[in-house]
């Protein structure tokens, strides 16, 4: 997920007839959030990287490997397909193009965006801190993660795999 200071207008609740005014921040500074979610076990892992170049992706993927993440689901970004990235000791599944709904991490990204977007931050570090705080809240609620990303079809398919420990 790309996190930056280029703000996004979000829908908000208000009384009927009330004019909502949101400040929009436009600054081209970015960080990238790598996130792994276990929707069956209710766990989250994440790390931050400065860009999506293959060297940064390798560092993030190696951190996941050290944390015990066995498999990641990627979109089709070029850096995800690089030979040095594919060589990291983590199973990697490239999802079909234009199919983010197949990746449980996208549900977590939606929740993070819902929580932190629509506000003006003084710096990228402040916005990252807000995202980090919310990720820690999510990680502490394993049942919430299971509801968010532990889809029934995913559980059924995992249970049908041979030698499954789920």
N, C-alpha and C. Protein backbone atom coordinates (compact mmCIF):
# COMPACT_ATOMS: atom_id res chain seq x y z
N UNK A 1 0.85 -1.17 0.00
CA UNK A 1 0.00 0.00 0.00
C UNK A 1 0.89 1.22 0.00
N UNK A 2 0.61 2.16 -0.87
CA UNK A 2 1.37 3.40 -0.90
C UNK A 2 0.74 4.37 0.08
N UNK A 3 1.55 4.92 0.95
CA UNK A 3 1.11 5.88 1.95
C UNK A 3 1.83 7.19 1.68
N UNK A 4 1.08 8.25 1.49
CA UNK A 4 1.72 9.51 1.18
C UNK A 4 0.94 10.70 1.69
N UNK A 5 1.49 11.87 1.44
CA UNK A 5 0.86 13.11 1.88
C UNK A 5 -0.06 13.71 0.82
N UNK A 6 -0.28 13.00 -0.26
CA UNK A 6 -1.25 13.44 -1.26
C UNK A 6 -2.60 12.95 -0.77
N UNK A 7 -3.35 13.82 -0.13
CA UNK A 7 -4.56 13.43 0.57
C UNK A 7 -5.66 12.88 -0.31
N UNK A 8 -6.61 12.23 0.33
CA UNK A 8 -7.76 11.64 -0.33
C UNK A 8 -9.01 12.12 0.40
N UNK A 9 -9.99 12.60 -0.34
CA UNK A 9 -11.26 12.99 0.26
C UNK A 9 -12.03 11.72 0.59
N UNK A 10 -12.51 11.62 1.81
CA UNK A 10 -13.26 10.44 2.26
C UNK A 10 -14.70 10.83 2.55
N UNK A 11 -15.60 9.88 2.37
CA UNK A 11 -16.98 10.11 2.77
C UNK A 11 -17.06 10.13 4.29
N UNK A 12 -17.82 11.07 4.83
CA UNK A 12 -18.00 11.16 6.27
C UNK A 12 -19.49 11.33 6.57
N UNK A 13 -19.88 10.93 7.76
CA UNK A 13 -21.27 11.07 8.19
C UNK A 13 -21.50 12.48 8.72
N UNK A 14 -22.66 13.04 8.40
CA UNK A 14 -23.04 14.36 8.92
C UNK A 14 -24.55 14.47 8.86
N UNK A 15 -25.08 15.43 9.58
CA UNK A 15 -26.52 15.67 9.52
C UNK A 15 -26.90 16.11 8.11
N UNK A 16 -28.10 15.73 7.70
CA UNK A 16 -28.59 16.08 6.39
C UNK A 16 -28.60 17.61 6.23
N UNK A 17 -28.09 18.09 5.14
CA UNK A 17 -28.07 19.52 4.86
C UNK A 17 -26.83 20.24 5.36
N UNK A 18 -25.96 19.52 6.08
CA UNK A 18 -24.73 20.12 6.59
C UNK A 18 -23.65 20.05 5.52
N UNK A 19 -23.00 21.16 5.26
CA UNK A 19 -21.93 21.19 4.28
C UNK A 19 -20.64 20.71 4.95
N UNK A 20 -20.03 19.72 4.36
CA UNK A 20 -18.79 19.16 4.88
C UNK A 20 -17.63 19.78 4.12
N UNK A 21 -16.66 20.30 4.85
CA UNK A 21 -15.47 20.86 4.22
C UNK A 21 -14.28 20.05 4.74
N UNK A 22 -13.54 19.46 3.81
CA UNK A 22 -12.34 18.72 4.18
C UNK A 22 -11.15 19.38 3.53
N UNK A 23 -10.10 19.52 4.30
CA UNK A 23 -8.86 20.04 3.74
C UNK A 23 -8.20 18.95 2.91
N UNK A 24 -7.60 19.35 1.82
CA UNK A 24 -6.92 18.40 0.95
C UNK A 24 -5.45 18.77 0.90
N UNK A 25 -4.63 17.83 1.28
CA UNK A 25 -3.18 18.03 1.30
C UNK A 25 -2.59 17.46 0.02
N UNK A 26 -1.75 18.23 -0.64
CA UNK A 26 -1.11 17.75 -1.86
C UNK A 26 0.39 17.93 -1.73
N UNK A 27 1.05 16.85 -1.41
CA UNK A 27 2.51 16.81 -1.29
C UNK A 27 2.96 15.45 -1.79
N UNK A 28 3.94 15.44 -2.65
CA UNK A 28 4.35 14.19 -3.29
C UNK A 28 5.50 13.53 -2.55
N UNK A 29 5.17 12.96 -1.39
CA UNK A 29 6.11 12.20 -0.58
C UNK A 29 5.42 10.89 -0.24
N UNK A 30 6.15 9.77 -0.38
CA UNK A 30 5.52 8.47 -0.22
C UNK A 30 6.37 7.51 0.60
N UNK A 31 5.69 6.59 1.24
CA UNK A 31 6.26 5.39 1.87
C UNK A 31 5.40 4.22 1.41
N UNK A 32 5.92 3.03 1.54
CA UNK A 32 5.17 1.85 1.12
C UNK A 32 5.05 0.88 2.28
N UNK A 33 3.84 0.41 2.48
CA UNK A 33 3.53 -0.54 3.55
C UNK A 33 3.43 -1.93 2.95
N UNK A 34 4.28 -2.84 3.41
CA UNK A 34 4.17 -4.26 3.08
C UNK A 34 3.42 -4.91 4.21
N UNK A 35 2.43 -5.70 3.88
CA UNK A 35 1.60 -6.29 4.91
C UNK A 35 1.30 -7.74 4.57
N UNK A 36 1.43 -8.61 5.55
CA UNK A 36 1.01 -10.00 5.41
C UNK A 36 -0.06 -10.25 6.47
N UNK A 37 -1.11 -10.93 6.07
CA UNK A 37 -2.20 -11.21 7.00
C UNK A 37 -2.53 -12.70 6.95
N UNK A 38 -2.72 -13.27 8.13
CA UNK A 38 -3.18 -14.64 8.26
C UNK A 38 -4.63 -14.55 8.72
N UNK A 39 -5.55 -14.64 7.77
CA UNK A 39 -6.96 -14.51 8.08
C UNK A 39 -7.53 -15.67 8.86
N UNK A 40 -6.87 -16.82 8.80
CA UNK A 40 -7.33 -17.99 9.54
C UNK A 40 -6.82 -17.94 10.98
N UNK A 41 -5.55 -17.60 11.15
CA UNK A 41 -4.96 -17.53 12.49
C UNK A 41 -5.14 -16.18 13.18
N UNK A 42 -5.54 -15.15 12.42
CA UNK A 42 -5.77 -13.83 13.00
C UNK A 42 -4.50 -13.07 13.34
N UNK A 43 -3.50 -13.13 12.45
CA UNK A 43 -2.23 -12.44 12.71
C UNK A 43 -1.88 -11.48 11.58
N UNK A 44 -1.11 -10.45 11.93
CA UNK A 44 -0.62 -9.46 10.97
C UNK A 44 0.88 -9.31 11.11
N UNK A 45 1.55 -9.10 9.98
CA UNK A 45 2.96 -8.72 9.94
C UNK A 45 3.06 -7.56 8.97
N UNK A 46 3.90 -6.59 9.27
CA UNK A 46 4.08 -5.49 8.33
C UNK A 46 5.46 -4.89 8.47
N UNK A 47 5.86 -4.21 7.42
CA UNK A 47 7.09 -3.43 7.44
C UNK A 47 6.96 -2.30 6.44
N UNK A 48 7.84 -1.34 6.56
CA UNK A 48 7.81 -0.14 5.72
C UNK A 48 9.03 -0.13 4.81
N UNK A 49 8.85 0.37 3.61
CA UNK A 49 9.98 0.52 2.71
C UNK A 49 9.87 1.85 1.98
N UNK A 50 11.00 2.42 1.56
CA UNK A 50 11.01 3.75 0.96
C UNK A 50 10.52 3.79 -0.48
N UNK A 51 10.56 2.64 -1.18
CA UNK A 51 10.15 2.61 -2.58
C UNK A 51 9.79 1.17 -2.94
N UNK A 52 9.45 0.96 -4.20
CA UNK A 52 9.07 -0.38 -4.66
C UNK A 52 10.14 -0.99 -5.56
N UNK A 53 11.36 -0.51 -5.44
CA UNK A 53 12.46 -1.10 -6.21
C UNK A 53 12.75 -2.49 -5.66
N UNK A 54 13.28 -3.34 -6.51
CA UNK A 54 13.46 -4.75 -6.13
C UNK A 54 14.31 -4.94 -4.90
N UNK A 55 15.30 -4.08 -4.67
CA UNK A 55 16.15 -4.21 -3.49
C UNK A 55 15.34 -3.98 -2.21
N UNK A 56 14.46 -3.00 -2.24
CA UNK A 56 13.60 -2.73 -1.08
C UNK A 56 12.61 -3.85 -0.86
N UNK A 57 12.07 -4.38 -1.95
CA UNK A 57 11.11 -5.48 -1.85
C UNK A 57 11.78 -6.71 -1.26
N UNK A 58 13.02 -6.99 -1.66
CA UNK A 58 13.76 -8.13 -1.11
C UNK A 58 13.93 -7.96 0.40
N UNK A 59 14.31 -6.77 0.84
CA UNK A 59 14.50 -6.53 2.28
C UNK A 59 13.21 -6.77 3.05
N UNK A 60 12.09 -6.29 2.52
CA UNK A 60 10.80 -6.49 3.18
C UNK A 60 10.40 -7.95 3.21
N UNK A 61 10.63 -8.65 2.11
CA UNK A 61 10.28 -10.06 2.03
C UNK A 61 11.16 -10.91 2.95
N UNK A 62 12.44 -10.56 3.06
CA UNK A 62 13.33 -11.28 3.98
C UNK A 62 12.89 -11.08 5.43
N UNK A 63 12.41 -9.87 5.74
CA UNK A 63 11.90 -9.62 7.10
C UNK A 63 10.67 -10.49 7.37
N UNK A 64 9.80 -10.66 6.38
CA UNK A 64 8.65 -11.55 6.54
C UNK A 64 9.11 -12.98 6.75
N UNK A 65 10.10 -13.41 5.99
CA UNK A 65 10.62 -14.77 6.12
C UNK A 65 11.15 -15.02 7.53
N UNK A 66 11.91 -14.06 8.05
CA UNK A 66 12.45 -14.18 9.41
C UNK A 66 11.35 -14.21 10.46
N UNK A 67 10.22 -13.54 10.18
CA UNK A 67 9.10 -13.51 11.12
C UNK A 67 8.24 -14.77 11.04
N UNK A 68 8.51 -15.64 10.06
CA UNK A 68 7.76 -16.88 9.96
C UNK A 68 6.65 -16.89 8.93
N UNK A 69 6.57 -15.88 8.09
CA UNK A 69 5.56 -15.86 7.03
C UNK A 69 5.99 -16.86 5.96
N UNK A 70 5.11 -17.80 5.61
CA UNK A 70 5.47 -18.86 4.67
C UNK A 70 5.17 -18.50 3.23
N UNK A 71 4.08 -17.76 2.99
CA UNK A 71 3.64 -17.45 1.63
C UNK A 71 3.08 -16.04 1.60
N UNK A 72 3.35 -15.32 0.51
CA UNK A 72 2.75 -14.01 0.29
C UNK A 72 2.00 -14.03 -1.04
N UNK A 73 0.95 -13.22 -1.12
CA UNK A 73 0.19 -13.04 -2.35
C UNK A 73 0.53 -11.65 -2.86
N UNK A 74 1.05 -11.58 -4.08
CA UNK A 74 1.48 -10.32 -4.68
C UNK A 74 0.53 -9.94 -5.81
N UNK A 75 0.54 -8.65 -6.12
CA UNK A 75 -0.08 -8.24 -7.38
C UNK A 75 1.01 -8.38 -8.45
N UNK A 76 0.76 -7.94 -9.63
CA UNK A 76 1.70 -8.17 -10.72
C UNK A 76 2.73 -7.08 -10.92
N UNK A 77 3.09 -6.33 -9.88
CA UNK A 77 4.09 -5.27 -10.02
C UNK A 77 5.41 -5.84 -10.52
N UNK A 78 6.09 -5.06 -11.33
CA UNK A 78 7.34 -5.51 -11.93
C UNK A 78 8.37 -5.96 -10.91
N UNK A 79 8.49 -5.22 -9.82
CA UNK A 79 9.50 -5.57 -8.82
C UNK A 79 9.17 -6.89 -8.13
N UNK A 80 7.91 -7.29 -8.10
CA UNK A 80 7.53 -8.56 -7.48
C UNK A 80 7.97 -9.76 -8.32
N UNK A 81 8.20 -9.52 -9.61
CA UNK A 81 8.58 -10.60 -10.52
C UNK A 81 10.08 -10.70 -10.74
N UNK A 82 10.86 -9.80 -10.14
CA UNK A 82 12.31 -9.79 -10.35
C UNK A 82 12.94 -11.08 -9.82
N UNK A 83 14.00 -11.51 -10.46
CA UNK A 83 14.68 -12.76 -10.07
C UNK A 83 15.17 -12.73 -8.63
N UNK A 84 15.72 -11.59 -8.18
CA UNK A 84 16.24 -11.51 -6.80
C UNK A 84 15.10 -11.60 -5.79
N UNK A 85 13.92 -11.12 -6.15
CA UNK A 85 12.75 -11.21 -5.27
C UNK A 85 12.25 -12.65 -5.23
N UNK A 86 12.17 -13.28 -6.39
CA UNK A 86 11.68 -14.66 -6.46
C UNK A 86 12.61 -15.63 -5.74
N UNK A 87 13.89 -15.25 -5.56
CA UNK A 87 14.87 -16.11 -4.92
C UNK A 87 14.73 -16.14 -3.39
N UNK A 88 13.99 -15.21 -2.79
CA UNK A 88 13.83 -15.17 -1.33
C UNK A 88 13.03 -16.39 -0.89
N UNK A 89 13.40 -16.95 0.26
CA UNK A 89 12.81 -18.19 0.77
C UNK A 89 11.42 -17.98 1.37
N UNK A 90 10.50 -17.43 0.59
CA UNK A 90 9.09 -17.29 0.97
C UNK A 90 8.29 -17.67 -0.27
N UNK A 91 7.24 -18.48 -0.07
CA UNK A 91 6.38 -18.81 -1.20
C UNK A 91 5.72 -17.54 -1.71
N UNK A 92 5.67 -17.40 -3.03
CA UNK A 92 5.11 -16.19 -3.62
C UNK A 92 4.07 -16.56 -4.67
N UNK A 93 2.87 -16.03 -4.50
CA UNK A 93 1.79 -16.26 -5.44
C UNK A 93 1.49 -14.93 -6.11
N UNK A 94 1.57 -14.91 -7.43
CA UNK A 94 1.22 -13.70 -8.18
C UNK A 94 -0.25 -13.82 -8.55
N UNK A 95 -1.05 -12.87 -8.07
CA UNK A 95 -2.49 -12.94 -8.35
C UNK A 95 -2.79 -12.42 -9.75
N UNK A 96 -3.94 -12.78 -10.30
CA UNK A 96 -4.31 -12.29 -11.62
C UNK A 96 -4.41 -10.76 -11.64
N UNK A 97 -4.19 -10.18 -12.81
CA UNK A 97 -4.29 -8.73 -12.94
C UNK A 97 -5.69 -8.23 -12.60
N UNK A 98 -5.76 -7.07 -12.00
CA UNK A 98 -7.03 -6.40 -11.67
C UNK A 98 -7.92 -7.25 -10.78
N UNK A 99 -7.33 -7.96 -9.83
CA UNK A 99 -8.11 -8.81 -8.93
C UNK A 99 -7.68 -8.63 -7.48
N UNK A 100 -7.65 -7.39 -6.97
CA UNK A 100 -7.21 -7.20 -5.59
C UNK A 100 -8.14 -7.87 -4.57
N UNK A 101 -9.38 -8.14 -4.96
CA UNK A 101 -10.31 -8.76 -4.03
C UNK A 101 -9.90 -10.18 -3.65
N UNK A 102 -8.94 -10.76 -4.37
CA UNK A 102 -8.45 -12.09 -4.05
C UNK A 102 -7.37 -12.08 -2.97
N UNK A 103 -6.89 -10.91 -2.60
CA UNK A 103 -5.81 -10.78 -1.63
C UNK A 103 -6.38 -10.30 -0.29
N UNK A 104 -6.34 -11.13 0.75
CA UNK A 104 -6.87 -10.71 2.05
C UNK A 104 -6.22 -9.44 2.61
N UNK A 105 -4.97 -9.17 2.24
CA UNK A 105 -4.30 -7.96 2.74
C UNK A 105 -5.00 -6.69 2.26
N UNK A 106 -5.66 -6.76 1.11
CA UNK A 106 -6.36 -5.58 0.59
C UNK A 106 -7.48 -5.13 1.53
N UNK A 107 -8.10 -6.08 2.23
CA UNK A 107 -9.14 -5.71 3.20
C UNK A 107 -8.54 -4.92 4.35
N UNK A 108 -7.34 -5.30 4.77
CA UNK A 108 -6.67 -4.57 5.83
C UNK A 108 -6.26 -3.19 5.33
N UNK A 109 -5.77 -3.12 4.09
CA UNK A 109 -5.41 -1.82 3.51
C UNK A 109 -6.62 -0.88 3.50
N UNK A 110 -7.79 -1.41 3.15
CA UNK A 110 -9.01 -0.59 3.15
C UNK A 110 -9.29 -0.02 4.53
N UNK A 111 -9.13 -0.85 5.55
CA UNK A 111 -9.38 -0.39 6.92
C UNK A 111 -8.35 0.67 7.35
N UNK A 112 -7.09 0.47 6.97
CA UNK A 112 -6.06 1.45 7.32
C UNK A 112 -6.38 2.79 6.63
N UNK A 113 -6.73 2.72 5.36
CA UNK A 113 -7.08 3.96 4.64
C UNK A 113 -8.28 4.64 5.27
N UNK A 114 -9.30 3.84 5.63
CA UNK A 114 -10.51 4.39 6.25
C UNK A 114 -10.16 5.15 7.54
N UNK A 115 -9.21 4.61 8.27
CA UNK A 115 -8.84 5.20 9.56
C UNK A 115 -7.98 6.45 9.42
N UNK A 116 -7.04 6.47 8.46
CA UNK A 116 -6.06 7.56 8.45
C UNK A 116 -6.25 8.60 7.36
N UNK A 117 -6.98 8.28 6.30
CA UNK A 117 -7.16 9.25 5.22
C UNK A 117 -8.23 10.27 5.59
N UNK A 118 -8.28 11.38 4.85
CA UNK A 118 -9.25 12.43 5.10
C UNK A 118 -8.80 13.43 6.15
N UNK A 119 -7.52 13.35 6.53
CA UNK A 119 -6.95 14.27 7.52
C UNK A 119 -5.67 14.86 6.93
N UNK A 120 -5.26 15.98 7.48
CA UNK A 120 -4.01 16.62 7.05
C UNK A 120 -2.95 16.32 8.10
N UNK A 121 -1.79 15.86 7.66
CA UNK A 121 -0.68 15.52 8.55
C UNK A 121 0.46 16.49 8.30
N UNK A 122 1.18 16.82 9.36
CA UNK A 122 2.29 17.77 9.22
C UNK A 122 3.50 17.17 8.52
N UNK A 123 3.60 15.85 8.57
CA UNK A 123 4.74 15.19 7.93
C UNK A 123 4.36 13.76 7.57
N UNK A 124 5.16 13.18 6.72
CA UNK A 124 4.96 11.78 6.36
C UNK A 124 5.17 10.87 7.57
N UNK A 125 6.11 11.24 8.42
CA UNK A 125 6.36 10.46 9.64
C UNK A 125 5.14 10.45 10.56
N UNK A 126 4.42 11.58 10.63
CA UNK A 126 3.22 11.65 11.45
C UNK A 126 2.12 10.74 10.89
N UNK A 127 1.97 10.73 9.57
CA UNK A 127 0.97 9.85 8.96
C UNK A 127 1.36 8.39 9.13
N UNK A 128 2.65 8.09 8.99
CA UNK A 128 3.12 6.73 9.20
C UNK A 128 2.86 6.30 10.65
N UNK A 129 3.08 7.19 11.59
CA UNK A 129 2.84 6.87 13.01
C UNK A 129 1.36 6.58 13.25
N UNK A 130 0.47 7.33 12.60
CA UNK A 130 -0.96 7.08 12.74
C UNK A 130 -1.31 5.70 12.16
N UNK A 131 -0.75 5.37 11.01
CA UNK A 131 -0.99 4.05 10.42
C UNK A 131 -0.42 2.95 11.30
N UNK A 132 0.77 3.18 11.82
CA UNK A 132 1.43 2.19 12.69
C UNK A 132 0.60 1.93 13.94
N UNK A 133 0.09 2.99 14.54
CA UNK A 133 -0.74 2.85 15.74
C UNK A 133 -2.00 2.04 15.44
N UNK A 134 -2.63 2.31 14.31
CA UNK A 134 -3.83 1.57 13.95
C UNK A 134 -3.51 0.11 13.62
N UNK A 135 -2.40 -0.13 12.96
CA UNK A 135 -1.99 -1.51 12.67
C UNK A 135 -1.77 -2.29 13.96
N UNK A 136 -1.19 -1.65 14.97
CA UNK A 136 -0.99 -2.31 16.27
C UNK A 136 -2.32 -2.64 16.92
N UNK A 137 -3.31 -1.73 16.80
CA UNK A 137 -4.65 -2.00 17.32
C UNK A 137 -5.26 -3.21 16.61
N UNK A 138 -5.14 -3.23 15.28
CA UNK A 138 -5.67 -4.36 14.52
C UNK A 138 -4.98 -5.66 14.91
N UNK A 139 -3.66 -5.63 15.03
CA UNK A 139 -2.89 -6.84 15.35
C UNK A 139 -3.27 -7.40 16.71
N UNK A 140 -3.68 -6.54 17.62
CA UNK A 140 -4.05 -6.99 18.96
C UNK A 140 -5.42 -7.67 18.98
N UNK A 141 -6.21 -7.51 17.92
CA UNK A 141 -7.55 -8.09 17.85
C UNK A 141 -7.57 -9.22 16.83
N UNK A 142 -7.13 -10.41 17.26
CA UNK A 142 -7.04 -11.53 16.31
C UNK A 142 -8.42 -11.94 15.78
N UNK A 143 -9.44 -11.84 16.59
CA UNK A 143 -10.79 -12.18 16.12
C UNK A 143 -11.26 -11.18 15.07
N UNK A 144 -10.91 -9.93 15.24
CA UNK A 144 -11.25 -8.91 14.24
C UNK A 144 -10.56 -9.17 12.91
N UNK A 145 -9.31 -9.62 12.97
CA UNK A 145 -8.57 -9.95 11.75
C UNK A 145 -9.21 -11.15 11.07
N UNK A 146 -9.62 -12.13 11.84
CA UNK A 146 -10.28 -13.30 11.27
C UNK A 146 -11.58 -12.90 10.56
N UNK A 147 -12.35 -11.99 11.18
CA UNK A 147 -13.59 -11.52 10.54
C UNK A 147 -13.29 -10.72 9.28
N UNK A 148 -12.22 -9.95 9.34
CA UNK A 148 -11.86 -9.08 8.23
C UNK A 148 -11.30 -9.84 7.03
N UNK A 149 -10.41 -10.79 7.28
CA UNK A 149 -9.69 -11.44 6.18
C UNK A 149 -9.79 -12.96 6.17
N UNK A 150 -10.51 -13.56 7.08
CA UNK A 150 -10.64 -15.02 7.11
C UNK A 150 -11.88 -15.47 6.39
N UNK A 151 -11.90 -15.30 5.11
CA UNK A 151 -13.08 -15.59 4.30
C UNK A 151 -13.39 -17.07 4.29
N UNK A 152 -14.67 -17.40 4.20
CA UNK A 152 -15.10 -18.79 4.21
C UNK A 152 -14.48 -19.61 3.09
N UNK A 153 -14.47 -19.08 1.88
CA UNK A 153 -13.90 -19.84 0.75
C UNK A 153 -12.42 -20.08 0.93
N UNK A 154 -11.74 -19.15 1.59
CA UNK A 154 -10.32 -19.31 1.84
C UNK A 154 -10.09 -20.45 2.84
N UNK A 155 -10.87 -20.47 3.91
CA UNK A 155 -10.75 -21.53 4.92
C UNK A 155 -11.08 -22.89 4.32
N UNK A 156 -12.13 -22.96 3.50
CA UNK A 156 -12.52 -24.23 2.88
C UNK A 156 -11.41 -24.76 1.98
N UNK A 157 -10.83 -23.89 1.18
CA UNK A 157 -9.78 -24.32 0.27
C UNK A 157 -8.50 -24.70 1.01
N UNK A 158 -8.17 -23.99 2.08
CA UNK A 158 -7.00 -24.37 2.86
C UNK A 158 -7.20 -25.71 3.53
N UNK A 159 -8.42 -25.95 4.02
CA UNK A 159 -8.72 -27.23 4.69
C UNK A 159 -8.65 -28.40 3.72
N UNK A 160 -8.88 -28.15 2.44
CA UNK A 160 -8.88 -29.24 1.47
C UNK A 160 -7.48 -29.58 0.95
N UNK A 161 -6.48 -28.79 1.31
CA UNK A 161 -5.12 -29.08 0.86
C UNK A 161 -4.55 -30.28 1.61
N UNK A 162 -3.73 -31.12 0.93
CA UNK A 162 -3.13 -32.26 1.62
C UNK A 162 -2.13 -31.77 2.67
N UNK A 163 -1.99 -32.52 3.74
CA UNK A 163 -1.06 -32.21 4.83
C UNK A 163 -1.31 -30.84 5.44
N UNK A 164 -2.58 -30.47 5.54
CA UNK A 164 -2.92 -29.15 6.06
C UNK A 164 -2.92 -29.18 7.58
N UNK A 165 -2.36 -28.15 8.19
CA UNK A 165 -2.35 -28.04 9.64
C UNK A 165 -3.32 -26.99 10.13
N UNK A 166 -4.13 -26.41 9.23
CA UNK A 166 -5.08 -25.36 9.60
C UNK A 166 -6.25 -25.96 10.34
